[in-house]
Amino acid sequence: MIPIVALLLPETPAAVGLHAYGATVDSIAPPAKGANPITVAFNVLGNASKSGGFWLLCASFFVCGASTNGLIGTHLISYCIDHGLPEVTGAGLLAAMGVFDLFGTTISGWLSDRYDSRWLLFWYYGLRGLSLIYLPYSGFSLYGLSFFAVFYGLDWIATVPRPCG
């Protein structure tokens, strides 16, 4: 699919005669032609690193990744085994999180078109924190962990879709 998408998907909205979502005619900058992409990336990173908002977002995404990949993705199945649930049950809970993540991420994309991303991130991280606080009190039963899987799954990668600009 990658070659098909690379050939058929336009690189920018301007390539098909459209403006970016939310952009005004005044805010559209022509793309830089012939610039070294690595140089451009480091220049943008250098400019962004001077902003406090960049570092807040960087820290929040670090915590997001640490809780998603470093905690749940890595340790949930062994956590279930340690508390007497079979590994297949732990894997099923992780799979259920993935299914509910599809719904949560889709809803998050819809919400990010309508609401301020900063408030959405506030709620996502707050709800994720509540679900992680609930985890030790879940009773380590299939039902308690299933509730956690649904609640955490809806928020698992909901931080990804957000509007540009």
N, C-alpha and C. Protein backbone atom coordinates (compact mmCIF):
# COMPACT_ATOMS: atom_id res chain seq x y z
N MET A 1 0.81 -1.20 0.00
CA MET A 1 0.00 0.00 0.00
C MET A 1 0.86 1.27 0.00
N ILE A 2 2.06 1.20 0.54
CA ILE A 2 2.88 2.41 0.63
C ILE A 2 3.16 3.02 -0.75
N PRO A 3 3.54 2.23 -1.78
CA PRO A 3 3.75 2.86 -3.08
C PRO A 3 2.48 3.46 -3.67
N ILE A 4 1.36 2.81 -3.46
CA ILE A 4 0.09 3.34 -3.99
C ILE A 4 -0.25 4.66 -3.31
N VAL A 5 -0.12 4.69 -1.98
CA VAL A 5 -0.41 5.92 -1.25
C VAL A 5 0.57 7.02 -1.65
N ALA A 6 1.85 6.67 -1.79
CA ALA A 6 2.86 7.67 -2.17
C ALA A 6 2.57 8.27 -3.54
N LEU A 7 2.03 7.46 -4.43
CA LEU A 7 1.73 7.96 -5.78
C LEU A 7 0.42 8.74 -5.85
N LEU A 8 -0.58 8.30 -5.09
CA LEU A 8 -1.92 8.86 -5.25
C LEU A 8 -2.30 9.92 -4.22
N LEU A 9 -1.69 9.92 -3.06
CA LEU A 9 -2.07 10.86 -2.01
C LEU A 9 -1.32 12.17 -2.19
N PRO A 10 -2.02 13.28 -2.29
CA PRO A 10 -1.32 14.56 -2.46
C PRO A 10 -0.52 14.90 -1.20
N GLU A 11 0.58 15.60 -1.40
CA GLU A 11 1.47 15.96 -0.30
C GLU A 11 0.86 17.04 0.59
N THR A 12 0.18 18.00 -0.02
CA THR A 12 -0.42 19.10 0.73
C THR A 12 -1.80 19.38 0.16
N PRO A 13 -2.65 20.07 0.92
CA PRO A 13 -3.95 20.46 0.36
C PRO A 13 -3.80 21.36 -0.87
N ALA A 14 -2.74 22.17 -0.90
CA ALA A 14 -2.51 23.07 -2.04
C ALA A 14 -2.29 22.28 -3.34
N ALA A 15 -1.81 21.04 -3.22
CA ALA A 15 -1.56 20.22 -4.41
C ALA A 15 -2.86 19.89 -5.15
N VAL A 16 -3.99 19.97 -4.45
CA VAL A 16 -5.29 19.73 -5.09
C VAL A 16 -6.16 20.99 -5.09
N GLY A 17 -5.51 22.14 -4.89
CA GLY A 17 -6.21 23.41 -4.97
C GLY A 17 -7.02 23.79 -3.75
N LEU A 18 -6.69 23.24 -2.58
CA LEU A 18 -7.41 23.54 -1.35
C LEU A 18 -6.48 24.23 -0.35
N HIS A 19 -7.10 24.83 0.66
CA HIS A 19 -6.35 25.40 1.78
C HIS A 19 -6.37 24.40 2.92
N ALA A 20 -5.37 24.44 3.79
CA ALA A 20 -5.35 23.59 4.97
C ALA A 20 -6.54 23.94 5.85
N TYR A 21 -7.05 22.93 6.56
CA TYR A 21 -8.20 23.15 7.44
C TYR A 21 -7.90 24.25 8.44
N GLY A 22 -8.73 25.27 8.47
CA GLY A 22 -8.56 26.38 9.40
C GLY A 22 -7.61 27.46 8.93
N ALA A 23 -6.97 27.28 7.79
CA ALA A 23 -6.02 28.27 7.31
C ALA A 23 -6.74 29.37 6.53
N THR A 24 -6.20 30.56 6.65
CA THR A 24 -6.70 31.67 5.84
C THR A 24 -5.74 31.88 4.68
N VAL A 25 -6.17 32.63 3.71
CA VAL A 25 -5.33 32.86 2.54
C VAL A 25 -4.04 33.55 2.94
N ASP A 26 -4.11 34.43 3.95
CA ASP A 26 -2.92 35.17 4.39
C ASP A 26 -1.90 34.28 5.09
N SER A 27 -2.36 33.20 5.72
CA SER A 27 -1.46 32.39 6.54
C SER A 27 -0.77 31.30 5.75
N ILE A 28 -1.06 31.16 4.47
CA ILE A 28 -0.46 30.09 3.69
C ILE A 28 0.90 30.54 3.19
N ALA A 29 1.93 29.82 3.66
CA ALA A 29 3.29 30.11 3.23
C ALA A 29 3.65 29.13 2.12
N PRO A 30 4.29 29.61 1.08
CA PRO A 30 4.68 28.67 0.02
C PRO A 30 5.71 27.69 0.55
N PRO A 31 5.63 26.44 0.13
CA PRO A 31 6.59 25.46 0.62
C PRO A 31 8.00 25.78 0.12
N ALA A 32 8.97 25.49 0.99
CA ALA A 32 10.36 25.72 0.63
C ALA A 32 10.78 24.70 -0.43
N LYS A 33 11.31 25.17 -1.51
CA LYS A 33 11.72 24.28 -2.60
C LYS A 33 13.22 24.04 -2.51
N GLY A 34 13.61 22.79 -2.66
CA GLY A 34 15.01 22.45 -2.75
C GLY A 34 15.79 22.53 -1.45
N ALA A 35 15.14 22.80 -0.32
CA ALA A 35 15.87 22.88 0.95
C ALA A 35 16.16 21.47 1.45
N ASN A 36 17.27 21.34 2.11
CA ASN A 36 17.64 20.06 2.69
C ASN A 36 16.66 19.74 3.83
N PRO A 37 15.94 18.63 3.77
CA PRO A 37 14.93 18.34 4.79
C PRO A 37 15.51 18.18 6.19
N ILE A 38 16.73 17.68 6.29
CA ILE A 38 17.36 17.53 7.60
C ILE A 38 17.67 18.90 8.19
N THR A 39 18.16 19.81 7.36
CA THR A 39 18.44 21.17 7.82
C THR A 39 17.15 21.87 8.23
N VAL A 40 16.12 21.71 7.43
CA VAL A 40 14.82 22.31 7.75
C VAL A 40 14.31 21.77 9.08
N ALA A 41 14.40 20.45 9.28
CA ALA A 41 13.91 19.83 10.51
C ALA A 41 14.66 20.37 11.73
N PHE A 42 15.99 20.47 11.63
CA PHE A 42 16.76 20.98 12.77
C PHE A 42 16.51 22.47 13.00
N ASN A 43 16.29 23.24 11.96
CA ASN A 43 15.95 24.66 12.14
C ASN A 43 14.62 24.82 12.85
N VAL A 44 13.64 24.04 12.43
CA VAL A 44 12.33 24.11 13.08
C VAL A 44 12.43 23.65 14.53
N LEU A 45 13.18 22.58 14.78
CA LEU A 45 13.36 22.10 16.15
C LEU A 45 14.07 23.15 17.01
N GLY A 46 15.06 23.82 16.43
CA GLY A 46 15.76 24.87 17.16
C GLY A 46 14.83 26.03 17.52
N ASN A 47 13.99 26.43 16.57
CA ASN A 47 13.03 27.51 16.85
C ASN A 47 11.99 27.08 17.88
N ALA A 48 11.51 25.85 17.75
CA ALA A 48 10.49 25.37 18.68
C ALA A 48 11.04 25.22 20.09
N SER A 49 12.31 24.84 20.22
CA SER A 49 12.88 24.61 21.54
C SER A 49 13.00 25.89 22.37
N LYS A 50 12.77 27.02 21.75
CA LYS A 50 12.80 28.29 22.48
C LYS A 50 11.46 28.63 23.10
N SER A 51 10.48 27.77 22.89
CA SER A 51 9.13 28.02 23.38
C SER A 51 8.84 27.15 24.60
N GLY A 52 8.26 27.75 25.62
CA GLY A 52 7.86 27.00 26.80
C GLY A 52 6.77 25.99 26.50
N GLY A 53 5.87 26.35 25.58
CA GLY A 53 4.80 25.44 25.19
C GLY A 53 5.34 24.16 24.56
N PHE A 54 6.42 24.29 23.80
CA PHE A 54 7.05 23.12 23.20
C PHE A 54 7.53 22.16 24.28
N TRP A 55 8.17 22.69 25.32
CA TRP A 55 8.70 21.83 26.36
C TRP A 55 7.60 21.21 27.21
N LEU A 56 6.50 21.94 27.41
CA LEU A 56 5.36 21.34 28.12
C LEU A 56 4.77 20.19 27.31
N LEU A 57 4.62 20.42 26.00
CA LEU A 57 4.08 19.37 25.14
C LEU A 57 5.05 18.19 25.08
N CYS A 58 6.34 18.47 25.01
CA CYS A 58 7.35 17.42 24.98
C CYS A 58 7.29 16.57 26.25
N ALA A 59 7.19 17.21 27.39
CA ALA A 59 7.13 16.49 28.67
C ALA A 59 5.84 15.68 28.77
N SER A 60 4.73 16.26 28.32
CA SER A 60 3.47 15.53 28.42
C SER A 60 3.46 14.32 27.49
N PHE A 61 4.06 14.44 26.30
CA PHE A 61 4.13 13.28 25.42
C PHE A 61 5.12 12.24 25.94
N PHE A 62 6.13 12.67 26.68
CA PHE A 62 7.04 11.71 27.31
C PHE A 62 6.27 10.86 28.33
N VAL A 63 5.46 11.52 29.16
CA VAL A 63 4.66 10.80 30.14
C VAL A 63 3.65 9.90 29.44
N CYS A 64 3.08 10.41 28.35
CA CYS A 64 2.13 9.62 27.56
C CYS A 64 2.78 8.34 27.06
N GLY A 65 3.96 8.46 26.46
CA GLY A 65 4.65 7.29 25.95
C GLY A 65 5.11 6.35 27.05
N ALA A 66 5.54 6.92 28.17
CA ALA A 66 5.99 6.08 29.28
C ALA A 66 4.84 5.27 29.86
N SER A 67 3.65 5.87 29.95
CA SER A 67 2.52 5.11 30.49
C SER A 67 1.95 4.14 29.46
N THR A 68 1.96 4.51 28.18
CA THR A 68 1.40 3.64 27.15
C THR A 68 2.33 2.47 26.85
N ASN A 69 3.55 2.77 26.44
CA ASN A 69 4.48 1.71 26.03
C ASN A 69 5.29 1.16 27.21
N GLY A 70 5.75 2.04 28.07
CA GLY A 70 6.62 1.62 29.14
C GLY A 70 5.92 0.92 30.28
N LEU A 71 4.66 1.22 30.48
CA LEU A 71 3.95 0.63 31.62
C LEU A 71 2.94 -0.41 31.14
N ILE A 72 1.93 0.00 30.42
CA ILE A 72 0.84 -0.89 30.05
C ILE A 72 1.26 -1.88 28.97
N GLY A 73 1.81 -1.38 27.87
CA GLY A 73 2.19 -2.27 26.77
C GLY A 73 3.22 -3.30 27.17
N THR A 74 4.10 -2.95 28.08
CA THR A 74 5.17 -3.85 28.48
C THR A 74 4.77 -4.77 29.63
N HIS A 75 4.01 -4.26 30.59
CA HIS A 75 3.83 -4.99 31.84
C HIS A 75 2.42 -5.51 32.12
N LEU A 76 1.43 -5.19 31.30
CA LEU A 76 0.06 -5.59 31.65
C LEU A 76 -0.10 -7.11 31.69
N ILE A 77 0.44 -7.81 30.72
CA ILE A 77 0.25 -9.27 30.69
C ILE A 77 0.94 -9.92 31.88
N SER A 78 2.17 -9.53 32.18
CA SER A 78 2.85 -10.11 33.34
C SER A 78 2.18 -9.69 34.65
N TYR A 79 1.59 -8.50 34.68
CA TYR A 79 0.84 -8.03 35.85
C TYR A 79 -0.36 -8.94 36.09
N CYS A 80 -1.03 -9.31 35.01
CA CYS A 80 -2.17 -10.22 35.13
C CYS A 80 -1.71 -11.59 35.63
N ILE A 81 -0.61 -12.08 35.09
CA ILE A 81 -0.09 -13.39 35.51
C ILE A 81 0.28 -13.36 36.99
N ASP A 82 0.90 -12.26 37.44
CA ASP A 82 1.29 -12.14 38.85
C ASP A 82 0.09 -12.16 39.78
N HIS A 83 -1.08 -11.80 39.27
CA HIS A 83 -2.27 -11.76 40.10
C HIS A 83 -3.24 -12.90 39.78
N GLY A 84 -2.72 -13.97 39.18
CA GLY A 84 -3.50 -15.19 39.02
C GLY A 84 -4.34 -15.30 37.76
N LEU A 85 -4.25 -14.35 36.86
CA LEU A 85 -5.01 -14.47 35.61
C LEU A 85 -4.11 -15.10 34.55
N PRO A 86 -4.65 -15.93 33.70
CA PRO A 86 -3.82 -16.55 32.65
C PRO A 86 -3.30 -15.50 31.68
N GLU A 87 -2.17 -15.83 31.04
CA GLU A 87 -1.57 -14.87 30.11
C GLU A 87 -2.48 -14.59 28.92
N VAL A 88 -3.30 -15.55 28.53
CA VAL A 88 -4.23 -15.32 27.43
C VAL A 88 -5.26 -14.27 27.83
N THR A 89 -5.67 -14.27 29.07
CA THR A 89 -6.61 -13.25 29.56
C THR A 89 -5.95 -11.88 29.53
N GLY A 90 -4.70 -11.80 29.98
CA GLY A 90 -3.97 -10.53 29.92
C GLY A 90 -3.82 -10.03 28.50
N ALA A 91 -3.51 -10.95 27.58
CA ALA A 91 -3.40 -10.57 26.18
C ALA A 91 -4.74 -10.13 25.63
N GLY A 92 -5.81 -10.78 26.07
CA GLY A 92 -7.16 -10.37 25.64
C GLY A 92 -7.51 -8.97 26.13
N LEU A 93 -7.09 -8.65 27.36
CA LEU A 93 -7.32 -7.31 27.89
C LEU A 93 -6.55 -6.27 27.07
N LEU A 94 -5.32 -6.61 26.71
CA LEU A 94 -4.52 -5.71 25.89
C LEU A 94 -5.15 -5.53 24.51
N ALA A 95 -5.68 -6.61 23.95
CA ALA A 95 -6.36 -6.52 22.66
C ALA A 95 -7.63 -5.68 22.77
N ALA A 96 -8.36 -5.84 23.87
CA ALA A 96 -9.57 -5.02 24.07
C ALA A 96 -9.20 -3.55 24.16
N MET A 97 -8.08 -3.25 24.81
CA MET A 97 -7.62 -1.86 24.85
C MET A 97 -7.38 -1.33 23.45
N GLY A 98 -6.80 -2.16 22.60
CA GLY A 98 -6.55 -1.75 21.22
C GLY A 98 -7.83 -1.47 20.46
N VAL A 99 -8.85 -2.30 20.69
CA VAL A 99 -10.14 -2.08 20.01
C VAL A 99 -10.77 -0.78 20.50
N PHE A 100 -10.78 -0.57 21.80
CA PHE A 100 -11.37 0.66 22.32
C PHE A 100 -10.52 1.88 21.97
N ASP A 101 -9.22 1.66 21.75
CA ASP A 101 -8.36 2.75 21.30
C ASP A 101 -8.80 3.25 19.93
N LEU A 102 -9.23 2.35 19.05
CA LEU A 102 -9.72 2.78 17.73
C LEU A 102 -10.89 3.75 17.88
N PHE A 103 -11.80 3.43 18.78
CA PHE A 103 -12.94 4.33 19.01
C PHE A 103 -12.48 5.64 19.64
N GLY A 104 -11.63 5.55 20.65
CA GLY A 104 -11.16 6.74 21.34
C GLY A 104 -10.38 7.67 20.45
N THR A 105 -9.53 7.13 19.61
CA THR A 105 -8.73 7.96 18.72
C THR A 105 -9.60 8.60 17.65
N THR A 106 -10.57 7.86 17.14
CA THR A 106 -11.49 8.42 16.15
C THR A 106 -12.31 9.56 16.75
N ILE A 107 -12.83 9.34 17.93
CA ILE A 107 -13.60 10.39 18.61
C ILE A 107 -12.71 11.59 18.92
N SER A 108 -11.46 11.32 19.30
CA SER A 108 -10.52 12.40 19.58
C SER A 108 -10.26 13.24 18.34
N GLY A 109 -10.14 12.60 17.18
CA GLY A 109 -9.97 13.35 15.94
C GLY A 109 -11.15 14.25 15.67
N TRP A 110 -12.35 13.73 15.91
CA TRP A 110 -13.57 14.52 15.71
C TRP A 110 -13.58 15.69 16.70
N LEU A 111 -13.23 15.43 17.96
CA LEU A 111 -13.23 16.48 18.97
C LEU A 111 -12.18 17.55 18.68
N SER A 112 -11.02 17.12 18.15
CA SER A 112 -9.94 18.09 17.92
C SER A 112 -10.26 19.06 16.80
N ASP A 113 -11.23 18.72 15.96
CA ASP A 113 -11.69 19.68 14.95
C ASP A 113 -12.63 20.72 15.53
N ARG A 114 -13.12 20.48 16.74
CA ARG A 114 -14.15 21.34 17.31
C ARG A 114 -13.75 22.05 18.60
N TYR A 115 -12.75 21.54 19.29
CA TYR A 115 -12.37 22.10 20.59
C TYR A 115 -10.87 22.36 20.65
N ASP A 116 -10.48 23.20 21.57
CA ASP A 116 -9.08 23.56 21.77
C ASP A 116 -8.28 22.33 22.20
N SER A 117 -7.21 22.04 21.48
CA SER A 117 -6.40 20.85 21.76
C SER A 117 -5.79 20.86 23.15
N ARG A 118 -5.52 22.04 23.68
CA ARG A 118 -4.93 22.09 25.03
C ARG A 118 -5.90 21.56 26.07
N TRP A 119 -7.17 21.89 25.94
CA TRP A 119 -8.16 21.38 26.88
C TRP A 119 -8.39 19.89 26.68
N LEU A 120 -8.35 19.46 25.43
CA LEU A 120 -8.50 18.03 25.18
C LEU A 120 -7.36 17.25 25.81
N LEU A 121 -6.13 17.73 25.65
CA LEU A 121 -4.99 17.06 26.27
C LEU A 121 -5.12 17.04 27.79
N PHE A 122 -5.59 18.14 28.35
CA PHE A 122 -5.82 18.20 29.79
C PHE A 122 -6.76 17.08 30.23
N TRP A 123 -7.87 16.92 29.53
CA TRP A 123 -8.83 15.89 29.88
C TRP A 123 -8.29 14.49 29.59
N TYR A 124 -7.60 14.31 28.49
CA TYR A 124 -7.05 12.99 28.18
C TYR A 124 -6.07 12.54 29.26
N TYR A 125 -5.14 13.43 29.62
CA TYR A 125 -4.16 13.05 30.62
C TYR A 125 -4.80 12.89 32.00
N GLY A 126 -5.79 13.71 32.31
CA GLY A 126 -6.49 13.56 33.58
C GLY A 126 -7.23 12.23 33.66
N LEU A 127 -7.93 11.87 32.59
CA LEU A 127 -8.66 10.59 32.59
C LEU A 127 -7.70 9.41 32.58
N ARG A 128 -6.59 9.54 31.88
CA ARG A 128 -5.58 8.47 31.89
C ARG A 128 -5.03 8.30 33.30
N GLY A 129 -4.75 9.40 33.97
CA GLY A 129 -4.27 9.32 35.35
C GLY A 129 -5.27 8.65 36.27
N LEU A 130 -6.55 9.00 36.11
CA LEU A 130 -7.59 8.36 36.93
C LEU A 130 -7.66 6.86 36.67
N SER A 131 -7.54 6.47 35.42
CA SER A 131 -7.60 5.03 35.13
C SER A 131 -6.39 4.31 35.72
N LEU A 132 -5.21 4.94 35.70
CA LEU A 132 -4.04 4.31 36.30
C LEU A 132 -4.13 4.28 37.83
N ILE A 133 -4.80 5.29 38.41
CA ILE A 133 -5.02 5.26 39.86
C ILE A 133 -6.00 4.15 40.22
N TYR A 134 -6.98 3.91 39.35
CA TYR A 134 -7.96 2.85 39.58
C TYR A 134 -7.34 1.45 39.51
N LEU A 135 -6.33 1.27 38.69
CA LEU A 135 -5.78 -0.05 38.42
C LEU A 135 -5.44 -0.86 39.68
N PRO A 136 -4.73 -0.32 40.68
CA PRO A 136 -4.45 -1.14 41.87
C PRO A 136 -5.70 -1.47 42.69
N TYR A 137 -6.77 -0.71 42.48
CA TYR A 137 -8.01 -0.95 43.23
C TYR A 137 -9.02 -1.76 42.42
N SER A 138 -8.60 -2.30 41.30
CA SER A 138 -9.52 -3.03 40.42
C SER A 138 -9.89 -4.40 40.96
N GLY A 139 -9.24 -4.83 42.01
CA GLY A 139 -9.50 -6.15 42.57
C GLY A 139 -8.80 -7.26 41.80
N PHE A 140 -8.11 -6.88 40.74
CA PHE A 140 -7.37 -7.83 39.90
C PHE A 140 -8.26 -8.94 39.38
N SER A 141 -9.55 -8.63 39.29
CA SER A 141 -10.48 -9.60 38.72
C SER A 141 -10.62 -9.31 37.23
N LEU A 142 -11.17 -10.26 36.52
CA LEU A 142 -11.38 -10.07 35.10
C LEU A 142 -12.32 -8.89 34.86
N TYR A 143 -13.32 -8.74 35.70
CA TYR A 143 -14.27 -7.64 35.52
C TYR A 143 -13.64 -6.28 35.83
N GLY A 144 -12.88 -6.22 36.91
CA GLY A 144 -12.23 -4.95 37.26
C GLY A 144 -11.19 -4.55 36.22
N LEU A 145 -10.42 -5.53 35.75
CA LEU A 145 -9.42 -5.22 34.73
C LEU A 145 -10.06 -4.94 33.38
N SER A 146 -11.22 -5.55 33.13
CA SER A 146 -11.94 -5.25 31.88
C SER A 146 -12.43 -3.80 31.89
N PHE A 147 -12.92 -3.34 33.03
CA PHE A 147 -13.33 -1.94 33.15
C PHE A 147 -12.13 -1.03 32.89
N PHE A 148 -10.98 -1.39 33.48
CA PHE A 148 -9.76 -0.61 33.24
C PHE A 148 -9.39 -0.62 31.76
N ALA A 149 -9.48 -1.79 31.12
CA ALA A 149 -9.10 -1.90 29.70
C ALA A 149 -9.97 -1.01 28.82
N VAL A 150 -11.27 -0.96 29.11
CA VAL A 150 -12.16 -0.10 28.32
C VAL A 150 -11.84 1.36 28.59
N PHE A 151 -11.74 1.74 29.84
CA PHE A 151 -11.51 3.12 30.23
C PHE A 151 -10.16 3.62 29.73
N TYR A 152 -9.11 2.81 29.93
CA TYR A 152 -7.78 3.20 29.48
C TYR A 152 -7.68 3.13 27.96
N GLY A 153 -8.33 2.14 27.36
CA GLY A 153 -8.28 1.99 25.91
C GLY A 153 -8.87 3.17 25.17
N LEU A 154 -9.97 3.72 25.67
CA LEU A 154 -10.58 4.89 25.02
C LEU A 154 -9.63 6.08 25.00
N ASP A 155 -8.71 6.11 25.94
CA ASP A 155 -7.79 7.23 26.08
C ASP A 155 -6.35 6.86 25.68
N TRP A 156 -6.14 5.64 25.21
CA TRP A 156 -4.79 5.12 25.04
C TRP A 156 -3.94 6.00 24.13
N ILE A 157 -4.34 6.20 22.91
CA ILE A 157 -3.56 7.03 22.00
C ILE A 157 -4.44 8.15 21.48
N ALA A 158 -5.38 8.60 22.29
CA ALA A 158 -6.27 9.68 21.89
C ALA A 158 -5.53 11.01 21.79
N THR A 159 -4.31 11.07 22.29
CA THR A 159 -3.55 12.32 22.22
C THR A 159 -2.97 12.56 20.84
N VAL A 160 -2.99 11.57 19.96
CA VAL A 160 -2.32 11.70 18.67
C VAL A 160 -3.05 12.65 17.72
N PRO A 161 -4.36 12.45 17.45
CA PRO A 161 -5.00 13.34 16.46
C PRO A 161 -5.24 14.71 17.04
N ARG A 162 -4.63 15.69 16.47
CA ARG A 162 -4.87 17.07 16.86
C ARG A 162 -4.63 17.95 15.65
N PRO A 163 -5.34 19.04 15.56
CA PRO A 163 -5.19 19.90 14.37
C PRO A 163 -3.85 20.61 14.37
N CYS A 164 -3.38 20.91 13.20
CA CYS A 164 -2.14 21.67 13.07
C CYS A 164 -2.46 23.15 13.13
N GLY A 165 -1.53 23.90 13.68
CA GLY A 165 -1.69 25.35 13.66
C GLY A 165 -2.19 25.91 14.89
